Amino acid sequence: MHRDTNELPKYTKGAERVLLAASELFYREGIHAVGVDTIAAAAGVTKKTLYDQFGSKEALAVAYLRRRDARWREYLEKELAQVSAGGTERILAIFDISGRWAIDNSDKGCCAINARAETDDPENPIAAEAIRQKKWLRDLLEQLCREASVADPAQTADSLMLLYEGGLVTMGMGTFPQPFAVGRDAAARLLATS
């Protein structure tokens, strides 16, 4: 499986409470909409504990994105391991796996997309983390295209990424039902011509 650096630090019990509370609040309400007072109160800690453990709200937001991404990647890797290698089935399986994940974990859409939408500067650590996560998935798609001997794997991965991200946004918006199934069908047509 394609790797990049997504090592998570070990947190103290207090830091874990802060991260869990922040994760719920950031996902439900947005990073900028939630203040550190609200996070500290929800975690049952002082603001000092929050800052001692994470240094800043921005660093806490990055930790939230990394934790959620680690959970997603673990799930994706476990599910992809059950799909036989070869051909394009592993590529298409990403759409199926994402649809299942989204039912229980992403009723408000993708946390990385949502976080990136809140930041203007791509160099901001929150934006940079969201972008890193998306580049990882795009690189994974290219790797799977290469393994499936798809012609022009880089260009095909770009196209697949657009279909995938469209599914994520549509899922979060609730525009129409089962966007990952629609994305999978479009991806299958794309791959049939590649």
C-alpha atoms as a PDB file:
ATOM      1  CA  MET A   1       0.000   0.000   0.000  1.00  0.00           C
ATOM      2  CA  HIS A   2       1.195   3.495  -0.787  1.00  0.00           C
ATOM      3  CA  ARG A   3       2.725   5.141   2.304  1.00  0.00           C
ATOM      4  CA  ASP A   4       3.561   8.606   3.481  1.00  0.00           C
ATOM      5  CA  THR A   5       4.268   9.998   6.901  1.00  0.00           C
ATOM      6  CA  ASN A   6       1.124   9.770   8.976  1.00  0.00           C
ATOM      7  CA  GLU A   7       2.625   8.614  12.246  1.00  0.00           C
ATOM      8  CA  LEU A   8       0.454   9.624  15.168  1.00  0.00           C
ATOM      9  CA  PRO A   9       1.971  10.615  18.499  1.00  0.00           C
ATOM     10  CA  LYS A  10       0.943   8.925  21.717  1.00  0.00           C
ATOM     11  CA  TYR A  11      -1.191  11.307  23.729  1.00  0.00           C
ATOM     12  CA  THR A  12      -1.759  11.595  27.468  1.00  0.00           C
ATOM     13  CA  LYS A  13      -5.265  10.873  28.772  1.00  0.00           C
ATOM     14  CA  GLY A  14      -5.942  14.601  29.029  1.00  0.00           C
ATOM     15  CA  ALA A  15      -4.719  15.220  25.494  1.00  0.00           C
ATOM     16  CA  GLU A  16      -6.875  12.337  24.247  1.00  0.00           C
ATOM     17  CA  ARG A  17      -9.948  13.919  25.851  1.00  0.00           C
ATOM     18  CA  VAL A  18      -9.098  17.235  24.211  1.00  0.00           C
ATOM     19  CA  LEU A  19      -8.558  15.604  20.819  1.00  0.00           C
ATOM     20  CA  LEU A  20     -11.792  13.593  21.016  1.00  0.00           C
ATOM     21  CA  ALA A  21     -13.827  16.634  22.032  1.00  0.00           C
ATOM     22  CA  ALA A  22     -12.193  18.827  19.394  1.00  0.00           C
ATOM     23  CA  SER A  23     -12.705  16.180  16.720  1.00  0.00           C
ATOM     24  CA  GLU A  24     -16.448  16.004  17.376  1.00  0.00           C
ATOM     25  CA  LEU A  25     -16.803  19.769  17.528  1.00  0.00           C
ATOM     26  CA  PHE A  26     -14.580  20.546  14.517  1.00  0.00           C
ATOM     27  CA  TYR A  27     -16.377  18.027  12.338  1.00  0.00           C
ATOM     28  CA  ARG A  28     -19.877  19.031  13.419  1.00  0.00           C
ATOM     29  CA  GLU A  29     -19.424  22.822  13.584  1.00  0.00           C
ATOM     30  CA  GLY A  30     -16.226  23.708  11.718  1.00  0.00           C
ATOM     31  CA  ILE A  31     -12.747  24.525  12.947  1.00  0.00           C
ATOM     32  CA  HIS A  32     -13.111  28.304  13.006  1.00  0.00           C
ATOM     33  CA  ALA A  33     -16.594  28.178  14.544  1.00  0.00           C
ATOM     34  CA  VAL A  34     -15.359  26.386  17.666  1.00  0.00           C
ATOM     35  CA  GLY A  35     -13.405  28.244  20.324  1.00  0.00           C
ATOM     36  CA  VAL A  36     -10.841  26.789  22.691  1.00  0.00           C
ATOM     37  CA  ASP A  37     -13.134  27.537  25.648  1.00  0.00           C
ATOM     38  CA  THR A  38     -15.783  25.269  24.116  1.00  0.00           C
ATOM     39  CA  ILE A  39     -13.248  22.511  23.415  1.00  0.00           C
ATOM     40  CA  ALA A  40     -11.764  22.683  26.917  1.00  0.00           C
ATOM     41  CA  ALA A  41     -15.225  22.583  28.492  1.00  0.00           C
ATOM     42  CA  ALA A  42     -16.308  19.625  26.356  1.00  0.00           C
ATOM     43  CA  ALA A  43     -13.095  17.767  27.258  1.00  0.00           C
ATOM     44  CA  GLY A  44     -13.376  18.609  30.948  1.00  0.00           C
ATOM     45  CA  VAL A  45      -9.965  20.278  31.020  1.00  0.00           C
ATOM     46  CA  THR A  46      -8.639  23.792  31.395  1.00  0.00           C
ATOM     47  CA  LYS A  47      -7.510  25.923  28.462  1.00  0.00           C
ATOM     48  CA  LYS A  48      -4.025  25.663  29.934  1.00  0.00           C
ATOM     49  CA  THR A  49      -4.140  21.869  29.568  1.00  0.00           C
ATOM     50  CA  LEU A  50      -5.264  22.252  25.946  1.00  0.00           C
ATOM     51  CA  TYR A  51      -2.407  24.625  25.153  1.00  0.00           C
ATOM     52  CA  ASP A  52       0.116  22.582  27.167  1.00  0.00           C
ATOM     53  CA  GLN A  53      -0.780  19.479  25.168  1.00  0.00           C
ATOM     54  CA  PHE A  54      -1.172  20.949  21.661  1.00  0.00           C
ATOM     55  CA  GLY A  55       0.401  24.402  21.709  1.00  0.00           C
ATOM     56  CA  SER A  56      -2.314  26.025  19.623  1.00  0.00           C
ATOM     57  CA  LYS A  57      -5.781  25.518  18.234  1.00  0.00           C
ATOM     58  CA  GLU A  58      -4.192  25.199  14.793  1.00  0.00           C
ATOM     59  CA  ALA A  59      -1.974  22.318  15.962  1.00  0.00           C
ATOM     60  CA  LEU A  60      -5.025  20.686  17.554  1.00  0.00           C
ATOM     61  CA  ALA A  61      -6.884  20.982  14.233  1.00  0.00           C
ATOM     62  CA  VAL A  62      -3.968  19.315  12.424  1.00  0.00           C
ATOM     63  CA  ALA A  63      -3.991  16.520  15.027  1.00  0.00           C
ATOM     64  CA  TYR A  64      -7.743  16.090  14.428  1.00  0.00           C
ATOM     65  CA  LEU A  65      -7.213  15.806  10.664  1.00  0.00           C
ATOM     66  CA  ARG A  66      -4.364  13.333  11.097  1.00  0.00           C
ATOM     67  CA  ARG A  67      -6.303  11.160  13.547  1.00  0.00           C
ATOM     68  CA  ARG A  68      -9.325  10.999  11.268  1.00  0.00           C
ATOM     69  CA  ASP A  69      -7.110  10.311   8.246  1.00  0.00           C
ATOM     70  CA  ALA A  70      -5.325   7.493  10.103  1.00  0.00           C
ATOM     71  CA  ARG A  71      -8.689   5.865  10.904  1.00  0.00           C
ATOM     72  CA  TRP A  72      -9.765   6.201   7.258  1.00  0.00           C
ATOM     73  CA  ARG A  73      -6.513   4.777   5.901  1.00  0.00           C
ATOM     74  CA  GLU A  74      -6.608   1.833   8.291  1.00  0.00           C
ATOM     75  CA  TYR A  75     -10.151   1.052   7.163  1.00  0.00           C
ATOM     76  CA  LEU A  76      -9.303   1.514   3.476  1.00  0.00           C
ATOM     77  CA  GLU A  77      -6.201  -0.691   3.666  1.00  0.00           C
ATOM     78  CA  LYS A  78      -8.083  -3.429   5.517  1.00  0.00           C
ATOM     79  CA  GLU A  79     -10.909  -3.389   2.995  1.00  0.00           C
ATOM     80  CA  LEU A  80      -8.622  -3.135  -0.062  1.00  0.00           C
ATOM     81  CA  ALA A  81      -6.610  -6.126   1.176  1.00  0.00           C
ATOM     82  CA  GLN A  82      -9.749  -8.215   0.692  1.00  0.00           C
ATOM     83  CA  VAL A  83      -9.987  -7.290  -3.000  1.00  0.00           C
ATOM     84  CA  SER A  84      -7.916  -9.459  -5.295  1.00  0.00           C
ATOM     85  CA  ALA A  85      -5.069  -7.641  -6.984  1.00  0.00           C
ATOM     86  CA  GLY A  86      -4.903  -7.231 -10.723  1.00  0.00           C
ATOM     87  CA  GLY A  87      -7.208  -5.543 -13.132  1.00  0.00           C
ATOM     88  CA  THR A  88      -9.142  -2.464 -12.144  1.00  0.00           C
ATOM     89  CA  GLU A  89     -11.237  -3.962  -9.333  1.00  0.00           C
ATOM     90  CA  ARG A  90      -9.031  -2.481  -6.594  1.00  0.00           C
ATOM     91  CA  ILE A  91      -9.456   0.974  -8.131  1.00  0.00           C
ATOM     92  CA  LEU A  92     -13.226   0.622  -8.328  1.00  0.00           C
ATOM     93  CA  ALA A  93     -13.322  -0.861  -4.825  1.00  0.00           C
ATOM     94  CA  ILE A  94     -12.155   2.493  -3.422  1.00  0.00           C
ATOM     95  CA  PHE A  95     -15.532   3.946  -4.420  1.00  0.00           C
ATOM     96  CA  ASP A  96     -17.407   1.055  -2.755  1.00  0.00           C
ATOM     97  CA  ILE A  97     -15.276   1.239   0.392  1.00  0.00           C
ATOM     98  CA  SER A  98     -15.725   5.013   0.604  1.00  0.00           C
ATOM     99  CA  GLY A  99     -19.484   4.675   0.253  1.00  0.00           C
ATOM    100  CA  ARG A 100     -19.582   2.251   3.187  1.00  0.00           C
ATOM    101  CA  TRP A 101     -17.271   4.457   5.285  1.00  0.00           C
ATOM    102  CA  ALA A 102     -19.316   7.562   4.589  1.00  0.00           C
ATOM    103  CA  ILE A 103     -22.532   6.013   5.903  1.00  0.00           C
ATOM    104  CA  ASP A 104     -21.121   5.769   9.436  1.00  0.00           C
ATOM    105  CA  ASN A 105     -18.370   8.384   9.434  1.00  0.00           C
ATOM    106  CA  SER A 106     -18.955  11.236   7.017  1.00  0.00           C
ATOM    107  CA  ASP A 107     -22.474  12.621   7.177  1.00  0.00           C
ATOM    108  CA  LYS A 108     -21.050  16.146   6.862  1.00  0.00           C
ATOM    109  CA  GLY A 109     -18.642  15.262   4.063  1.00  0.00           C
ATOM    110  CA  CYS A 110     -14.883  14.996   4.106  1.00  0.00           C
ATOM    111  CA  CYS A 111     -13.154  16.631   7.069  1.00  0.00           C
ATOM    112  CA  ALA A 112     -10.116  17.503   4.921  1.00  0.00           C
ATOM    113  CA  ILE A 113     -12.249  19.228   2.282  1.00  0.00           C
ATOM    114  CA  ASN A 114     -14.203  21.028   4.995  1.00  0.00           C
ATOM    115  CA  ALA A 115     -11.015  22.125   6.770  1.00  0.00           C
ATOM    116  CA  ARG A 116      -9.392  23.299   3.531  1.00  0.00           C
ATOM    117  CA  ALA A 117     -12.486  25.348   2.742  1.00  0.00           C
ATOM    118  CA  GLU A 118     -11.927  27.251   5.997  1.00  0.00           C
ATOM    119  CA  THR A 119      -8.386  28.350   5.164  1.00  0.00           C
ATOM    120  CA  ASP A 120      -7.308  30.856   2.521  1.00  0.00           C
ATOM    121  CA  ASP A 121      -3.577  30.189   2.650  1.00  0.00           C
ATOM    122  CA  PRO A 122      -2.392  26.834   1.220  1.00  0.00           C
ATOM    123  CA  GLU A 123       0.719  27.152   3.416  1.00  0.00           C
ATOM    124  CA  ASN A 124      -1.405  27.208   6.566  1.00  0.00           C
ATOM    125  CA  PRO A 125      -0.700  23.964   8.490  1.00  0.00           C
ATOM    126  CA  ILE A 126      -4.389  22.997   8.416  1.00  0.00           C
ATOM    127  CA  ALA A 127      -4.572  23.493   4.642  1.00  0.00           C
ATOM    128  CA  ALA A 128      -1.217  21.785   4.145  1.00  0.00           C
ATOM    129  CA  GLU A 129      -2.433  18.728   6.071  1.00  0.00           C
ATOM    130  CA  ALA A 130      -5.651  18.546   4.043  1.00  0.00           C
ATOM    131  CA  ILE A 131      -3.670  18.839   0.803  1.00  0.00           C
ATOM    132  CA  ARG A 132      -1.194  16.165   1.957  1.00  0.00           C
ATOM    133  CA  GLN A 133      -4.056  13.756   2.560  1.00  0.00           C
ATOM    134  CA  LYS A 134      -5.544  14.382  -0.872  1.00  0.00           C
ATOM    135  CA  LYS A 135      -2.160  13.957  -2.559  1.00  0.00           C
ATOM    136  CA  TRP A 136      -1.748  10.625  -0.774  1.00  0.00           C
ATOM    137  CA  LEU A 137      -5.031   9.355  -2.191  1.00  0.00           C
ATOM    138  CA  ARG A 138      -4.246  10.653  -5.672  1.00  0.00           C
ATOM    139  CA  ASP A 139      -0.856   8.903  -5.528  1.00  0.00           C
ATOM    140  CA  LEU A 140      -2.553   5.703  -4.357  1.00  0.00           C
ATOM    141  CA  LEU A 141      -4.894   5.879  -7.343  1.00  0.00           C
ATOM    142  CA  GLU A 142      -1.920   6.268  -9.670  1.00  0.00           C
ATOM    143  CA  GLN A 143      -0.175   3.304  -8.038  1.00  0.00           C
ATOM    144  CA  LEU A 144      -3.296   1.171  -8.497  1.00  0.00           C
ATOM    145  CA  CYS A 145      -3.559   2.304 -12.132  1.00  0.00           C
ATOM    146  CA  ARG A 146       0.054   1.229 -12.694  1.00  0.00           C
ATOM    147  CA  GLU A 147      -0.608  -2.146 -11.046  1.00  0.00           C
ATOM    148  CA  ALA A 148      -3.622  -2.600 -13.340  1.00  0.00           C
ATOM    149  CA  SER A 149      -1.526  -1.640 -16.401  1.00  0.00           C
ATOM    150  CA  VAL A 150      -3.806   1.276 -17.213  1.00  0.00           C
ATOM    151  CA  ALA A 151      -2.567   3.415 -20.084  1.00  0.00           C
ATOM    152  CA  ASP A 152      -1.399   6.837 -18.871  1.00  0.00           C
ATOM    153  CA  PRO A 153      -1.765   6.065 -15.165  1.00  0.00           C
ATOM    154  CA  ALA A 154      -1.023   9.638 -14.047  1.00  0.00           C
ATOM    155  CA  GLN A 155      -3.729  11.218 -16.208  1.00  0.00           C
ATOM    156  CA  THR A 156      -6.196   8.461 -15.338  1.00  0.00           C
ATOM    157  CA  ALA A 157      -5.476   8.922 -11.622  1.00  0.00           C
ATOM    158  CA  ASP A 158      -6.195  12.648 -11.986  1.00  0.00           C
ATOM    159  CA  SER A 159      -9.546  11.861 -13.618  1.00  0.00           C
ATOM    160  CA  LEU A 160     -10.383   9.254 -10.986  1.00  0.00           C
ATOM    161  CA  MET A 161      -9.521  11.725  -8.251  1.00  0.00           C
ATOM    162  CA  LEU A 162     -12.011  14.212  -9.685  1.00  0.00           C
ATOM    163  CA  LEU A 163     -14.728  11.554  -9.722  1.00  0.00           C
ATOM    164  CA  TYR A 164     -13.854  10.491  -6.181  1.00  0.00           C
ATOM    165  CA  GLU A 165     -13.755  14.002  -4.752  1.00  0.00           C
ATOM    166  CA  GLY A 166     -17.054  14.753  -6.482  1.00  0.00           C
ATOM    167  CA  GLY A 167     -18.515  11.791  -4.629  1.00  0.00           C
ATOM    168  CA  LEU A 168     -17.215  13.099  -1.317  1.00  0.00           C
ATOM    169  CA  VAL A 169     -18.610  16.577  -1.822  1.00  0.00           C
ATOM    170  CA  THR A 170     -21.934  15.255  -3.093  1.00  0.00           C
ATOM    171  CA  MET A 171     -22.193  12.910  -0.101  1.00  0.00           C
ATOM    172  CA  GLY A 172     -21.634  15.792   2.299  1.00  0.00           C
ATOM    173  CA  MET A 173     -24.102  18.040   0.471  1.00  0.00           C
ATOM    174  CA  GLY A 174     -26.760  15.344   0.107  1.00  0.00           C
ATOM    175  CA  THR A 175     -27.312  16.408  -3.504  1.00  0.00           C
ATOM    176  CA  PHE A 176     -28.438  12.951  -4.632  1.00  0.00           C
ATOM    177  CA  PRO A 177     -28.348   9.435  -3.178  1.00  0.00           C
ATOM    178  CA  GLN A 178     -25.378   7.089  -3.457  1.00  0.00           C
ATOM    179  CA  PRO A 179     -22.835   9.407  -5.092  1.00  0.00           C
ATOM    180  CA  PHE A 180     -20.051   6.848  -4.702  1.00  0.00           C
ATOM    181  CA  ALA A 181     -22.041   4.309  -6.706  1.00  0.00           C
ATOM    182  CA  VAL A 182     -22.487   6.913  -9.442  1.00  0.00           C
ATOM    183  CA  GLY A 183     -18.775   7.771  -9.224  1.00  0.00           C
ATOM    184  CA  ARG A 184     -17.880   4.080  -9.424  1.00  0.00           C
ATOM    185  CA  ASP A 185     -19.953   3.651 -12.590  1.00  0.00           C
ATOM    186  CA  ALA A 186     -18.277   6.676 -14.169  1.00  0.00           C
ATOM    187  CA  ALA A 187     -14.855   5.376 -13.089  1.00  0.00           C
ATOM    188  CA  ALA A 188     -15.611   1.970 -14.637  1.00  0.00           C
ATOM    189  CA  ARG A 189     -16.494   3.663 -17.945  1.00  0.00           C
ATOM    190  CA  LEU A 190     -13.303   5.728 -17.754  1.00  0.00           C
ATOM    191  CA  LEU A 191     -11.161   2.686 -17.034  1.00  0.00           C
ATOM    192  CA  ALA A 192     -12.791   0.720 -19.857  1.00  0.00           C
ATOM    193  CA  THR A 193     -11.502   3.331 -22.303  1.00  0.00           C
ATOM    194  CA  SER A 194      -8.008   3.628 -20.763  1.00  0.00           C
END
